[in-house]
């Protein structure tokens, strides 16, 4: 389903469909973080905020985590409780009008639990394309079926773990067979490549709220089977990152992440951010939420139909939650509509 924008309003541009989307997951470094602090508690805060404003959000659920909880819960009974807590929260999120869609971090296939913590194995298995074609199909099928068993709804939306979904022609057959039609992985202008990551969105359409594609995530094809709802992108200057890191040290009570884990190392990224301007996703995580109003005004003025914002419960901060609260009120006042990916199916 496509929602067209309405009449022009206070932002001197078209009303937009705004999608607040969250990757529902642990950290993948050492430590991976606790379920309570990295998923359950911050997700509850977001759920309360959505209910306060009468809106829905979309959660891209890292199903690999659920499957590993199932695998190890017999050997480690505490994981049985964690599994039940996650499923209960997902069902509550859905009951309150939030959408559950598919998020795949395939390194869970090789990661394991040692009785105290998750041992994350990410070498040569962090991207779907690190696997053979038949393995890709099996992983996508199994993960999708698991999420549908929980949600009791068809799942057609997807976001790749680590934004790694290229080359897409290797993933395409698995998506076709599983009727996955909607993707929200791309954020135009971005490029990143390390030992574990690879994505290149520099040629993706930068002026589209959504577009059709077939074999290439970044190439619009009006007859394509798939629809991309790209994460909004913004060109951040080094001053933004100096402020981000500075506030984190000066006011950790407001700017420290609620989650208690560590990210996978991304060599060189911090230095690059602090020394030159570059494209990054529009996010409601922490200090990134400070630019949401500016981004919305800019996109609306350009006549955009859709604005997809990414977030991670684990990366939320007190500052970010406060900014998100005022942002939602601002966007509703300006006649923008908050949608979920269930609205598109």
C-alpha atoms as a PDB file:
ATOM      1  CA  UNK A   1       0.000   0.000   0.000  1.00  0.00           C
ATOM      2  CA  UNK A   2       1.227   3.509  -0.803  1.00  0.00           C
ATOM      3  CA  UNK A   3       0.235   6.531   1.249  1.00  0.00           C
ATOM      4  CA  UNK A   4       0.337   9.761  -0.730  1.00  0.00           C
ATOM      5  CA  UNK A   5       1.273  12.992   1.007  1.00  0.00           C
ATOM      6  CA  UNK A   6      -1.437  15.503   1.811  1.00  0.00           C
ATOM      7  CA  UNK A   7      -1.615  19.244   1.375  1.00  0.00           C
ATOM      8  CA  UNK A   8       1.340  21.446   2.133  1.00  0.00           C
ATOM      9  CA  UNK A   9       1.538  22.462   5.764  1.00  0.00           C
ATOM     10  CA  UNK A  10       3.799  24.254   8.238  1.00  0.00           C
ATOM     11  CA  UNK A  11       7.071  22.825   6.949  1.00  0.00           C
ATOM     12  CA  UNK A  12       6.616  24.547   3.581  1.00  0.00           C
ATOM     13  CA  UNK A  13       6.456  21.171   1.911  1.00  0.00           C
ATOM     14  CA  UNK A  14       4.486  17.972   1.557  1.00  0.00           C
ATOM     15  CA  UNK A  15       3.233  15.982   4.511  1.00  0.00           C
ATOM     16  CA  UNK A  16       5.262  12.805   4.857  1.00  0.00           C
ATOM     17  CA  UNK A  17       4.784   9.265   6.047  1.00  0.00           C
ATOM     18  CA  UNK A  18       7.318   8.829   8.854  1.00  0.00           C
ATOM     19  CA  UNK A  19       8.521   5.365   9.792  1.00  0.00           C
ATOM     20  CA  UNK A  20      10.312   5.058  13.133  1.00  0.00           C
ATOM     21  CA  UNK A  21      12.183   1.755  12.838  1.00  0.00           C
ATOM     22  CA  UNK A  22      14.308  -0.133  15.367  1.00  0.00           C
ATOM     23  CA  UNK A  23      16.738  -3.015  15.058  1.00  0.00           C
ATOM     24  CA  UNK A  24      15.741  -5.228  17.996  1.00  0.00           C
ATOM     25  CA  UNK A  25      19.046  -6.882  18.908  1.00  0.00           C
ATOM     26  CA  UNK A  26      21.953  -7.348  21.310  1.00  0.00           C
ATOM     27  CA  UNK A  27      25.441  -5.975  20.702  1.00  0.00           C
ATOM     28  CA  UNK A  28      27.856  -8.161  18.757  1.00  0.00           C
ATOM     29  CA  UNK A  29      31.159  -7.199  20.325  1.00  0.00           C
ATOM     30  CA  UNK A  30      32.537  -8.267  23.704  1.00  0.00           C
ATOM     31  CA  UNK A  31      30.438  -8.139  25.789  1.00  0.00           C
ATOM     32  CA  UNK A  32      27.213  -8.608  23.879  1.00  0.00           C
ATOM     33  CA  UNK A  33      25.248  -6.924  26.652  1.00  0.00           C
ATOM     34  CA  UNK A  34      22.405  -8.186  28.778  1.00  0.00           C
ATOM     35  CA  UNK A  35      18.890  -8.861  27.548  1.00  0.00           C
ATOM     36  CA  UNK A  36      17.424  -6.581  30.225  1.00  0.00           C
ATOM     37  CA  UNK A  37      19.508  -3.471  29.552  1.00  0.00           C
ATOM     38  CA  UNK A  38      20.142  -3.844  25.836  1.00  0.00           C
ATOM     39  CA  UNK A  39      16.689  -4.951  24.666  1.00  0.00           C
ATOM     40  CA  UNK A  40      13.855  -5.265  27.187  1.00  0.00           C
ATOM     41  CA  UNK A  41      14.171  -2.053  29.197  1.00  0.00           C
ATOM     42  CA  UNK A  42      14.876   0.395  26.349  1.00  0.00           C
ATOM     43  CA  UNK A  43      12.210  -1.250  24.182  1.00  0.00           C
ATOM     44  CA  UNK A  44       9.713  -0.758  27.007  1.00  0.00           C
ATOM     45  CA  UNK A  45      10.624   2.942  27.145  1.00  0.00           C
ATOM     46  CA  UNK A  46      10.037   3.212  23.395  1.00  0.00           C
ATOM     47  CA  UNK A  47       6.764   1.316  23.672  1.00  0.00           C
ATOM     48  CA  UNK A  48       5.591   3.718  26.380  1.00  0.00           C
ATOM     49  CA  UNK A  49       6.562   6.700  24.225  1.00  0.00           C
ATOM     50  CA  UNK A  50       4.694   5.335  21.207  1.00  0.00           C
ATOM     51  CA  UNK A  51       1.611   4.703  23.335  1.00  0.00           C
ATOM     52  CA  UNK A  52       1.786   8.225  24.770  1.00  0.00           C
ATOM     53  CA  UNK A  53       1.622   9.713  21.269  1.00  0.00           C
ATOM     54  CA  UNK A  54      -0.758   7.140  19.800  1.00  0.00           C
ATOM     55  CA  UNK A  55       1.632   5.957  17.089  1.00  0.00           C
ATOM     56  CA  UNK A  56       3.151   2.676  15.964  1.00  0.00           C
ATOM     57  CA  UNK A  57       6.793   1.829  15.358  1.00  0.00           C
ATOM     58  CA  UNK A  58       8.471  -0.936  13.352  1.00  0.00           C
ATOM     59  CA  UNK A  59      10.823  -3.413  15.009  1.00  0.00           C
ATOM     60  CA  UNK A  60      13.182  -5.372  12.773  1.00  0.00           C
ATOM     61  CA  UNK A  61      13.677  -8.431  14.956  1.00  0.00           C
ATOM     62  CA  UNK A  62      17.040 -10.189  15.065  1.00  0.00           C
ATOM     63  CA  UNK A  63      15.550 -13.675  14.799  1.00  0.00           C
ATOM     64  CA  UNK A  64      18.928 -15.405  14.925  1.00  0.00           C
ATOM     65  CA  UNK A  65      19.140 -14.483  18.612  1.00  0.00           C
ATOM     66  CA  UNK A  66      15.776 -16.137  19.283  1.00  0.00           C
ATOM     67  CA  UNK A  67      16.818 -19.292  17.465  1.00  0.00           C
ATOM     68  CA  UNK A  68      20.050 -19.543  19.474  1.00  0.00           C
ATOM     69  CA  UNK A  69      18.132 -19.052  22.723  1.00  0.00           C
ATOM     70  CA  UNK A  70      15.988 -22.002  21.662  1.00  0.00           C
ATOM     71  CA  UNK A  71      18.998 -24.099  20.769  1.00  0.00           C
ATOM     72  CA  UNK A  72      20.823 -23.595  24.075  1.00  0.00           C
ATOM     73  CA  UNK A  73      17.893 -23.282  26.507  1.00  0.00           C
ATOM     74  CA  UNK A  74      17.878 -26.996  27.345  1.00  0.00           C
ATOM     75  CA  UNK A  75      21.544 -26.934  28.311  1.00  0.00           C
ATOM     76  CA  UNK A  76      21.239 -23.567  30.072  1.00  0.00           C
ATOM     77  CA  UNK A  77      17.797 -23.170  31.696  1.00  0.00           C
ATOM     78  CA  UNK A  78      18.256 -19.410  32.236  1.00  0.00           C
ATOM     79  CA  UNK A  79      17.982 -19.021  28.468  1.00  0.00           C
ATOM     80  CA  UNK A  80      14.482 -20.514  28.605  1.00  0.00           C
ATOM     81  CA  UNK A  81      13.404 -17.552  30.709  1.00  0.00           C
ATOM     82  CA  UNK A  82      15.125 -15.099  28.369  1.00  0.00           C
ATOM     83  CA  UNK A  83      13.402 -16.681  25.374  1.00  0.00           C
ATOM     84  CA  UNK A  84      10.014 -16.349  27.049  1.00  0.00           C
ATOM     85  CA  UNK A  85      10.720 -12.724  28.009  1.00  0.00           C
ATOM     86  CA  UNK A  86      11.609 -11.794  24.425  1.00  0.00           C
ATOM     87  CA  UNK A  87       8.575 -13.518  22.929  1.00  0.00           C
ATOM     88  CA  UNK A  88       6.297 -11.910  25.503  1.00  0.00           C
ATOM     89  CA  UNK A  89       7.655  -8.435  24.746  1.00  0.00           C
ATOM     90  CA  UNK A  90       7.372  -8.949  20.987  1.00  0.00           C
ATOM     91  CA  UNK A  91       3.753  -9.984  21.339  1.00  0.00           C
ATOM     92  CA  UNK A  92       3.076  -6.968  23.576  1.00  0.00           C
ATOM     93  CA  UNK A  93       4.731  -4.624  21.081  1.00  0.00           C
ATOM     94  CA  UNK A  94       2.546  -6.001  18.331  1.00  0.00           C
ATOM     95  CA  UNK A  95      -0.597  -5.862  20.462  1.00  0.00           C
ATOM     96  CA  UNK A  96       0.038  -2.151  21.043  1.00  0.00           C
ATOM     97  CA  UNK A  97       0.178  -1.388  17.328  1.00  0.00           C
ATOM     98  CA  UNK A  98       3.841  -1.867  16.515  1.00  0.00           C
ATOM     99  CA  UNK A  99       5.043  -3.937  13.554  1.00  0.00           C
ATOM    100  CA  UNK A 100       7.458  -6.878  13.641  1.00  0.00           C
ATOM    101  CA  UNK A 101       9.586  -7.406  10.541  1.00  0.00           C
ATOM    102  CA  UNK A 102      12.658  -9.470   9.726  1.00  0.00           C
ATOM    103  CA  UNK A 103      16.247  -8.589  10.629  1.00  0.00           C
ATOM    104  CA  UNK A 104      19.032 -11.093   9.954  1.00  0.00           C
ATOM    105  CA  UNK A 105      22.490 -11.182  11.486  1.00  0.00           C
ATOM    106  CA  UNK A 106      23.660 -14.550  10.124  1.00  0.00           C
ATOM    107  CA  UNK A 107      26.716 -14.750  12.388  1.00  0.00           C
ATOM    108  CA  UNK A 108      24.340 -16.250  14.978  1.00  0.00           C
ATOM    109  CA  UNK A 109      24.690 -19.458  12.963  1.00  0.00           C
ATOM    110  CA  UNK A 110      28.195 -19.852  14.386  1.00  0.00           C
ATOM    111  CA  UNK A 111      27.890 -17.982  17.702  1.00  0.00           C
ATOM    112  CA  UNK A 112      27.322 -19.825  20.961  1.00  0.00           C
ATOM    113  CA  UNK A 113      26.667 -19.521  24.709  1.00  0.00           C
ATOM    114  CA  UNK A 114      29.323 -20.639  27.219  1.00  0.00           C
ATOM    115  CA  UNK A 115      27.100 -20.603  30.295  1.00  0.00           C
ATOM    116  CA  UNK A 116      27.933 -17.010  31.208  1.00  0.00           C
ATOM    117  CA  UNK A 117      27.905 -14.973  28.016  1.00  0.00           C
ATOM    118  CA  UNK A 118      27.421 -15.094  24.272  1.00  0.00           C
ATOM    119  CA  UNK A 119      30.566 -15.784  22.272  1.00  0.00           C
ATOM    120  CA  UNK A 120      30.088 -13.869  19.055  1.00  0.00           C
ATOM    121  CA  UNK A 121      31.767 -15.414  16.023  1.00  0.00           C
ATOM    122  CA  UNK A 122      31.738 -12.849  13.232  1.00  0.00           C
ATOM    123  CA  UNK A 123      34.640 -13.836  10.970  1.00  0.00           C
ATOM    124  CA  UNK A 124      33.476 -14.940   7.517  1.00  0.00           C
ATOM    125  CA  UNK A 125      29.841 -15.148   8.630  1.00  0.00           C
ATOM    126  CA  UNK A 126      28.687 -11.589   9.390  1.00  0.00           C
ATOM    127  CA  UNK A 127      27.063 -11.062   5.971  1.00  0.00           C
ATOM    128  CA  UNK A 128      24.530 -13.290   4.251  1.00  0.00           C
ATOM    129  CA  UNK A 129      26.820 -13.310   1.227  1.00  0.00           C
ATOM    130  CA  UNK A 130      29.498 -15.010   3.351  1.00  0.00           C
ATOM    131  CA  UNK A 131      27.345 -18.157   3.011  1.00  0.00           C
ATOM    132  CA  UNK A 132      26.675 -20.460   0.056  1.00  0.00           C
ATOM    133  CA  UNK A 133      23.528 -19.896  -2.003  1.00  0.00           C
ATOM    134  CA  UNK A 134      21.677 -22.883  -0.556  1.00  0.00           C
ATOM    135  CA  UNK A 135      22.623 -21.760   2.955  1.00  0.00           C
ATOM    136  CA  UNK A 136      21.284 -18.265   2.284  1.00  0.00           C
ATOM    137  CA  UNK A 137      17.933 -19.700   1.234  1.00  0.00           C
ATOM    138  CA  UNK A 138      17.779 -21.966   4.281  1.00  0.00           C
ATOM    139  CA  UNK A 139      18.653 -19.157   6.716  1.00  0.00           C
ATOM    140  CA  UNK A 140      16.170 -16.654   5.272  1.00  0.00           C
ATOM    141  CA  UNK A 141      13.408 -19.282   5.170  1.00  0.00           C
ATOM    142  CA  UNK A 142      13.981 -20.550   8.704  1.00  0.00           C
ATOM    143  CA  UNK A 143      14.281 -17.083  10.237  1.00  0.00           C
ATOM    144  CA  UNK A 144      11.167 -15.800   8.476  1.00  0.00           C
ATOM    145  CA  UNK A 145       9.118 -18.821   9.526  1.00  0.00           C
ATOM    146  CA  UNK A 146      10.190 -18.337  13.136  1.00  0.00           C
ATOM    147  CA  UNK A 147       9.109 -14.699  13.205  1.00  0.00           C
ATOM    148  CA  UNK A 148       5.790 -15.503  11.539  1.00  0.00           C
ATOM    149  CA  UNK A 149       5.161 -18.200  14.144  1.00  0.00           C
ATOM    150  CA  UNK A 150       5.504 -15.526  16.837  1.00  0.00           C
ATOM    151  CA  UNK A 151       3.685 -12.677  15.101  1.00  0.00           C
ATOM    152  CA  UNK A 152       1.019 -14.831  13.420  1.00  0.00           C
ATOM    153  CA  UNK A 153       1.200 -12.373  10.542  1.00  0.00           C
ATOM    154  CA  UNK A 154       2.842 -12.478   7.117  1.00  0.00           C
ATOM    155  CA  UNK A 155       6.353 -11.030   7.169  1.00  0.00           C
ATOM    156  CA  UNK A 156       7.372  -9.244   3.986  1.00  0.00           C
ATOM    157  CA  UNK A 157       9.690  -6.527   5.326  1.00  0.00           C
ATOM    158  CA  UNK A 158      13.429  -6.884   5.789  1.00  0.00           C
ATOM    159  CA  UNK A 159      16.504  -5.038   6.994  1.00  0.00           C
ATOM    160  CA  UNK A 160      19.984  -6.507   6.624  1.00  0.00           C
ATOM    161  CA  UNK A 161      22.247  -6.811   9.634  1.00  0.00           C
ATOM    162  CA  UNK A 162      25.044  -4.260   9.386  1.00  0.00           C
ATOM    163  CA  UNK A 163      23.410  -2.897   6.196  1.00  0.00           C
ATOM    164  CA  UNK A 164      25.191  -5.743   4.352  1.00  0.00           C
ATOM    165  CA  UNK A 165      22.941  -6.916   1.498  1.00  0.00           C
ATOM    166  CA  UNK A 166      25.214  -6.724  -1.526  1.00  0.00           C
ATOM    167  CA  UNK A 167      25.605  -8.132  -4.079  1.00  0.00           C
ATOM    168  CA  UNK A 168      21.832  -8.434  -3.940  1.00  0.00           C
ATOM    169  CA  UNK A 169      21.556 -10.823  -6.879  1.00  0.00           C
ATOM    170  CA  UNK A 170      22.827 -13.565  -4.552  1.00  0.00           C
ATOM    171  CA  UNK A 171      20.084 -12.796  -2.012  1.00  0.00           C
ATOM    172  CA  UNK A 172      17.299 -12.281  -4.542  1.00  0.00           C
ATOM    173  CA  UNK A 173      16.280 -15.961  -4.990  1.00  0.00           C
ATOM    174  CA  UNK A 174      15.781 -16.408  -1.223  1.00  0.00           C
ATOM    175  CA  UNK A 175      13.651 -13.267  -1.076  1.00  0.00           C
ATOM    176  CA  UNK A 176      11.577 -14.321  -4.072  1.00  0.00           C
ATOM    177  CA  UNK A 177      10.865 -17.769  -2.622  1.00  0.00           C
ATOM    178  CA  UNK A 178       9.904 -16.253   0.737  1.00  0.00           C
ATOM    179  CA  UNK A 179       7.829 -13.406  -0.721  1.00  0.00           C
ATOM    180  CA  UNK A 180       9.946 -10.747   0.958  1.00  0.00           C
ATOM    181  CA  UNK A 181       9.001  -7.656  -1.035  1.00  0.00           C
ATOM    182  CA  UNK A 182       9.937  -4.685   1.139  1.00  0.00           C
ATOM    183  CA  UNK A 183      13.472  -3.749   2.106  1.00  0.00           C
ATOM    184  CA  UNK A 184      14.793  -0.945   4.298  1.00  0.00           C
ATOM    185  CA  UNK A 185      18.563  -1.394   4.275  1.00  0.00           C
ATOM    186  CA  UNK A 186      19.909   1.328   1.975  1.00  0.00           C
ATOM    187  CA  UNK A 187      20.884   4.773   3.148  1.00  0.00           C
ATOM    188  CA  UNK A 188      21.918   6.753   0.062  1.00  0.00           C
ATOM    189  CA  UNK A 189      25.427   8.156  -0.243  1.00  0.00           C
ATOM    190  CA  UNK A 190      27.033   5.726   2.204  1.00  0.00           C
ATOM    191  CA  UNK A 191      30.011   3.446   1.640  1.00  0.00           C
ATOM    192  CA  UNK A 192      31.837   1.309   4.183  1.00  0.00           C
ATOM    193  CA  UNK A 193      34.122  -1.674   3.898  1.00  0.00           C
ATOM    194  CA  UNK A 194      36.074  -3.515   6.591  1.00  0.00           C
ATOM    195  CA  UNK A 195      36.956  -7.102   7.393  1.00  0.00           C
ATOM    196  CA  UNK A 196      33.336  -7.783   8.367  1.00  0.00           C
ATOM    197  CA  UNK A 197      31.245  -5.051   6.718  1.00  0.00           C
ATOM    198  CA  UNK A 198      30.548  -4.146   3.135  1.00  0.00           C
ATOM    199  CA  UNK A 199      27.946  -1.806   1.746  1.00  0.00           C
ATOM    200  CA  UNK A 200      28.038   0.723  -1.076  1.00  0.00           C
ATOM    201  CA  UNK A 201      24.982   2.934  -1.478  1.00  0.00           C
ATOM    202  CA  UNK A 202      26.681   5.799  -3.306  1.00  0.00           C
ATOM    203  CA  UNK A 203      24.636   5.245  -6.465  1.00  0.00           C
ATOM    204  CA  UNK A 204      21.263   4.754  -4.748  1.00  0.00           C
ATOM    205  CA  UNK A 205      18.517   7.270  -5.596  1.00  0.00           C
ATOM    206  CA  UNK A 206      18.895  10.100  -3.109  1.00  0.00           C
ATOM    207  CA  UNK A 207      15.624  11.871  -3.800  1.00  0.00           C
ATOM    208  CA  UNK A 208      13.139   9.026  -3.431  1.00  0.00           C
ATOM    209  CA  UNK A 209      10.952   8.174  -0.457  1.00  0.00           C
ATOM    210  CA  UNK A 210      10.704   4.689  -1.934  1.00  0.00           C
ATOM    211  CA  UNK A 211      11.508   3.014  -5.249  1.00  0.00           C
ATOM    212  CA  UNK A 212      11.199  -0.338  -7.009  1.00  0.00           C
ATOM    213  CA  UNK A 213      14.215  -2.501  -7.810  1.00  0.00           C
ATOM    214  CA  UNK A 214      15.025  -5.989  -9.061  1.00  0.00           C
ATOM    215  CA  UNK A 215      18.666  -7.198  -9.052  1.00  0.00           C
ATOM    216  CA  UNK A 216      20.482  -4.196  -7.625  1.00  0.00           C
ATOM    217  CA  UNK A 217      19.488  -2.443  -4.378  1.00  0.00           C
ATOM    218  CA  UNK A 218      20.746   0.867  -5.728  1.00  0.00           C
ATOM    219  CA  UNK A 219      19.220   0.756  -9.214  1.00  0.00           C
ATOM    220  CA  UNK A 220      15.636   1.850  -9.640  1.00  0.00           C
ATOM    221  CA  UNK A 221      13.524  -0.434 -11.809  1.00  0.00           C
ATOM    222  CA  UNK A 222       9.875   0.541 -12.186  1.00  0.00           C
ATOM    223  CA  UNK A 223       8.971  -3.080 -12.988  1.00  0.00           C
ATOM    224  CA  UNK A 224      10.959  -4.532 -10.102  1.00  0.00           C
ATOM    225  CA  UNK A 225       9.498  -7.094  -7.706  1.00  0.00           C
ATOM    226  CA  UNK A 226      10.961  -5.383  -4.639  1.00  0.00           C
ATOM    227  CA  UNK A 227      10.387  -1.981  -3.082  1.00  0.00           C
ATOM    228  CA  UNK A 228      13.106  -0.156  -1.171  1.00  0.00           C
ATOM    229  CA  UNK A 229      12.132   2.226   1.602  1.00  0.00           C
ATOM    230  CA  UNK A 230      15.590   3.709   2.154  1.00  0.00           C
ATOM    231  CA  UNK A 231      16.683   4.890   5.552  1.00  0.00           C
ATOM    232  CA  UNK A 232      16.989   8.662   5.350  1.00  0.00           C
ATOM    233  CA  UNK A 233      20.551   9.870   4.997  1.00  0.00           C
ATOM    234  CA  UNK A 234      22.183  13.113   6.050  1.00  0.00           C
ATOM    235  CA  UNK A 235      25.595  14.627   5.479  1.00  0.00           C
ATOM    236  CA  UNK A 236      27.102  15.178   8.933  1.00  0.00           C
ATOM    237  CA  UNK A 237      30.081  17.452   9.449  1.00  0.00           C
ATOM    238  CA  UNK A 238      32.948  16.759  11.888  1.00  0.00           C
ATOM    239  CA  UNK A 239      31.608  19.310  14.404  1.00  0.00           C
ATOM    240  CA  UNK A 240      28.540  17.125  14.913  1.00  0.00           C
ATOM    241  CA  UNK A 241      30.721  14.178  15.905  1.00  0.00           C
ATOM    242  CA  UNK A 242      32.964  16.283  18.142  1.00  0.00           C
ATOM    243  CA  UNK A 243      29.808  17.352  19.966  1.00  0.00           C
ATOM    244  CA  UNK A 244      28.506  13.767  20.073  1.00  0.00           C
ATOM    245  CA  UNK A 245      31.691  12.389  21.640  1.00  0.00           C
ATOM    246  CA  UNK A 246      32.166  15.451  23.841  1.00  0.00           C
ATOM    247  CA  UNK A 247      28.723  15.311  25.400  1.00  0.00           C
ATOM    248  CA  UNK A 248      29.207  11.611  25.993  1.00  0.00           C
ATOM    249  CA  UNK A 249      32.148  12.405  28.243  1.00  0.00           C
ATOM    250  CA  UNK A 250      30.762  15.547  29.859  1.00  0.00           C
ATOM    251  CA  UNK A 251      27.229  14.274  30.586  1.00  0.00           C
ATOM    252  CA  UNK A 252      27.244  10.468  30.605  1.00  0.00           C
ATOM    253  CA  UNK A 253      24.066  10.510  32.697  1.00  0.00           C
ATOM    254  CA  UNK A 254      22.197  11.892  29.661  1.00  0.00           C
ATOM    255  CA  UNK A 255      24.291  10.671  26.758  1.00  0.00           C
ATOM    256  CA  UNK A 256      25.482   7.193  27.728  1.00  0.00           C
ATOM    257  CA  UNK A 257      23.721   4.335  25.943  1.00  0.00           C
ATOM    258  CA  UNK A 258      21.177   2.414  27.993  1.00  0.00           C
ATOM    259  CA  UNK A 259      22.531  -0.824  26.543  1.00  0.00           C
ATOM    260  CA  UNK A 260      25.488  -2.435  28.298  1.00  0.00           C
ATOM    261  CA  UNK A 261      27.377  -4.104  25.451  1.00  0.00           C
ATOM    262  CA  UNK A 262      30.004  -3.211  22.854  1.00  0.00           C
ATOM    263  CA  UNK A 263      29.851  -2.824  19.083  1.00  0.00           C
ATOM    264  CA  UNK A 264      31.996  -4.780  16.643  1.00  0.00           C
ATOM    265  CA  UNK A 265      35.115  -2.673  15.970  1.00  0.00           C
ATOM    266  CA  UNK A 266      34.843  -0.477  12.885  1.00  0.00           C
ATOM    267  CA  UNK A 267      38.469   0.492  12.193  1.00  0.00           C
ATOM    268  CA  UNK A 268      38.979   4.048  11.020  1.00  0.00           C
ATOM    269  CA  UNK A 269      35.339   5.133  11.223  1.00  0.00           C
ATOM    270  CA  UNK A 270      35.699   7.392  14.261  1.00  0.00           C
ATOM    271  CA  UNK A 271      38.742   9.142  12.795  1.00  0.00           C
ATOM    272  CA  UNK A 272      36.916   9.667   9.502  1.00  0.00           C
ATOM    273  CA  UNK A 273      33.879  11.112  11.267  1.00  0.00           C
ATOM    274  CA  UNK A 274      36.014  13.575  13.231  1.00  0.00           C
ATOM    275  CA  UNK A 275      38.003  14.789  10.248  1.00  0.00           C
ATOM    276  CA  UNK A 276      35.669  15.098   7.266  1.00  0.00           C
ATOM    277  CA  UNK A 277      32.009  15.368   6.349  1.00  0.00           C
ATOM    278  CA  UNK A 278      30.222  12.255   5.183  1.00  0.00           C
ATOM    279  CA  UNK A 279      26.866  10.595   4.709  1.00  0.00           C
ATOM    280  CA  UNK A 280      25.325   8.640   7.546  1.00  0.00           C
ATOM    281  CA  UNK A 281      21.862   7.424   8.444  1.00  0.00           C
ATOM    282  CA  UNK A 282      19.187   9.572  10.049  1.00  0.00           C
ATOM    283  CA  UNK A 283      18.721   8.047  13.463  1.00  0.00           C
ATOM    284  CA  UNK A 284      16.935   8.581  16.753  1.00  0.00           C
ATOM    285  CA  UNK A 285      19.818   6.978  18.686  1.00  0.00           C
ATOM    286  CA  UNK A 286      21.313   9.322  21.251  1.00  0.00           C
ATOM    287  CA  UNK A 287      22.694  12.607  19.945  1.00  0.00           C
ATOM    288  CA  UNK A 288      21.580  11.776  16.391  1.00  0.00           C
ATOM    289  CA  UNK A 289      18.022  12.594  17.489  1.00  0.00           C
ATOM    290  CA  UNK A 290      19.047  16.267  17.712  1.00  0.00           C
ATOM    291  CA  UNK A 291      18.852  16.631  13.910  1.00  0.00           C
ATOM    292  CA  UNK A 292      15.450  14.985  13.371  1.00  0.00           C
ATOM    293  CA  UNK A 293      13.477  18.232  13.101  1.00  0.00           C
ATOM    294  CA  UNK A 294      16.006  19.744  10.683  1.00  0.00           C
ATOM    295  CA  UNK A 295      15.985  16.643   8.499  1.00  0.00           C
ATOM    296  CA  UNK A 296      12.184  16.549   8.452  1.00  0.00           C
ATOM    297  CA  UNK A 297      11.918  20.198   7.418  1.00  0.00           C
ATOM    298  CA  UNK A 298      14.473  19.679   4.655  1.00  0.00           C
ATOM    299  CA  UNK A 299      12.875  16.515   3.306  1.00  0.00           C
ATOM    300  CA  UNK A 300       9.362  17.988   3.453  1.00  0.00           C
ATOM    301  CA  UNK A 301      10.486  21.091   1.584  1.00  0.00           C
ATOM    302  CA  UNK A 302      11.779  18.829  -1.179  1.00  0.00           C
ATOM    303  CA  UNK A 303       8.407  17.121  -1.464  1.00  0.00           C
ATOM    304  CA  UNK A 304       9.473  13.731  -0.151  1.00  0.00           C
ATOM    305  CA  UNK A 305       6.694  11.233   0.488  1.00  0.00           C
ATOM    306  CA  UNK A 306       8.432   9.013   3.040  1.00  0.00           C
ATOM    307  CA  UNK A 307      10.977   9.416   5.818  1.00  0.00           C
ATOM    308  CA  UNK A 308      12.483   6.279   7.383  1.00  0.00           C
ATOM    309  CA  UNK A 309      14.390   6.812  10.631  1.00  0.00           C
ATOM    310  CA  UNK A 310      16.539   4.037  12.083  1.00  0.00           C
ATOM    311  CA  UNK A 311      17.120   3.335  15.757  1.00  0.00           C
ATOM    312  CA  UNK A 312      18.322   0.646  18.132  1.00  0.00           C
ATOM    313  CA  UNK A 313      16.810   0.141  21.597  1.00  0.00           C
ATOM    314  CA  UNK A 314      20.297  -0.731  22.881  1.00  0.00           C
ATOM    315  CA  UNK A 315      21.660   2.623  21.676  1.00  0.00           C
ATOM    316  CA  UNK A 316      18.968   4.843  23.162  1.00  0.00           C
ATOM    317  CA  UNK A 317      20.004   7.514  25.666  1.00  0.00           C
ATOM    318  CA  UNK A 318      18.034   9.741  28.016  1.00  0.00           C
ATOM    319  CA  UNK A 319      18.863  12.686  25.770  1.00  0.00           C
ATOM    320  CA  UNK A 320      17.714  10.778  22.679  1.00  0.00           C
ATOM    321  CA  UNK A 321      14.433   9.748  24.260  1.00  0.00           C
ATOM    322  CA  UNK A 322      13.681  13.348  25.262  1.00  0.00           C
ATOM    323  CA  UNK A 323      14.441  14.575  21.749  1.00  0.00           C
ATOM    324  CA  UNK A 324      12.339  11.803  20.228  1.00  0.00           C
ATOM    325  CA  UNK A 325       9.424  12.740  22.474  1.00  0.00           C
ATOM    326  CA  UNK A 326       9.451  16.373  21.342  1.00  0.00           C
ATOM    327  CA  UNK A 327      10.094  15.354  17.728  1.00  0.00           C
ATOM    328  CA  UNK A 328       7.014  13.135  17.528  1.00  0.00           C
ATOM    329  CA  UNK A 329       4.862  15.948  18.905  1.00  0.00           C
ATOM    330  CA  UNK A 330       6.411  18.369  16.394  1.00  0.00           C
ATOM    331  CA  UNK A 331       5.863  16.046  13.418  1.00  0.00           C
ATOM    332  CA  UNK A 332       2.243  15.370  14.349  1.00  0.00           C
ATOM    333  CA  UNK A 333       1.604  19.097  14.751  1.00  0.00           C
ATOM    334  CA  UNK A 334       2.911  19.584  11.213  1.00  0.00           C
ATOM    335  CA  UNK A 335       0.487  16.964   9.874  1.00  0.00           C
ATOM    336  CA  UNK A 336       3.058  14.263   9.145  1.00  0.00           C
ATOM    337  CA  UNK A 337       1.759  10.718   9.591  1.00  0.00           C
ATOM    338  CA  UNK A 338       3.528   7.991  11.537  1.00  0.00           C
ATOM    339  CA  UNK A 339       3.271   4.635   9.781  1.00  0.00           C
ATOM    340  CA  UNK A 340       4.592   1.119  10.290  1.00  0.00           C
ATOM    341  CA  UNK A 341       5.723  -1.443   7.752  1.00  0.00           C
ATOM    342  CA  UNK A 342       2.577  -3.440   8.455  1.00  0.00           C
ATOM    343  CA  UNK A 343       0.725  -0.577   6.759  1.00  0.00           C
ATOM    344  CA  UNK A 344       2.639  -1.344   3.557  1.00  0.00           C
ATOM    345  CA  UNK A 345       1.748  -5.034   3.384  1.00  0.00           C
END
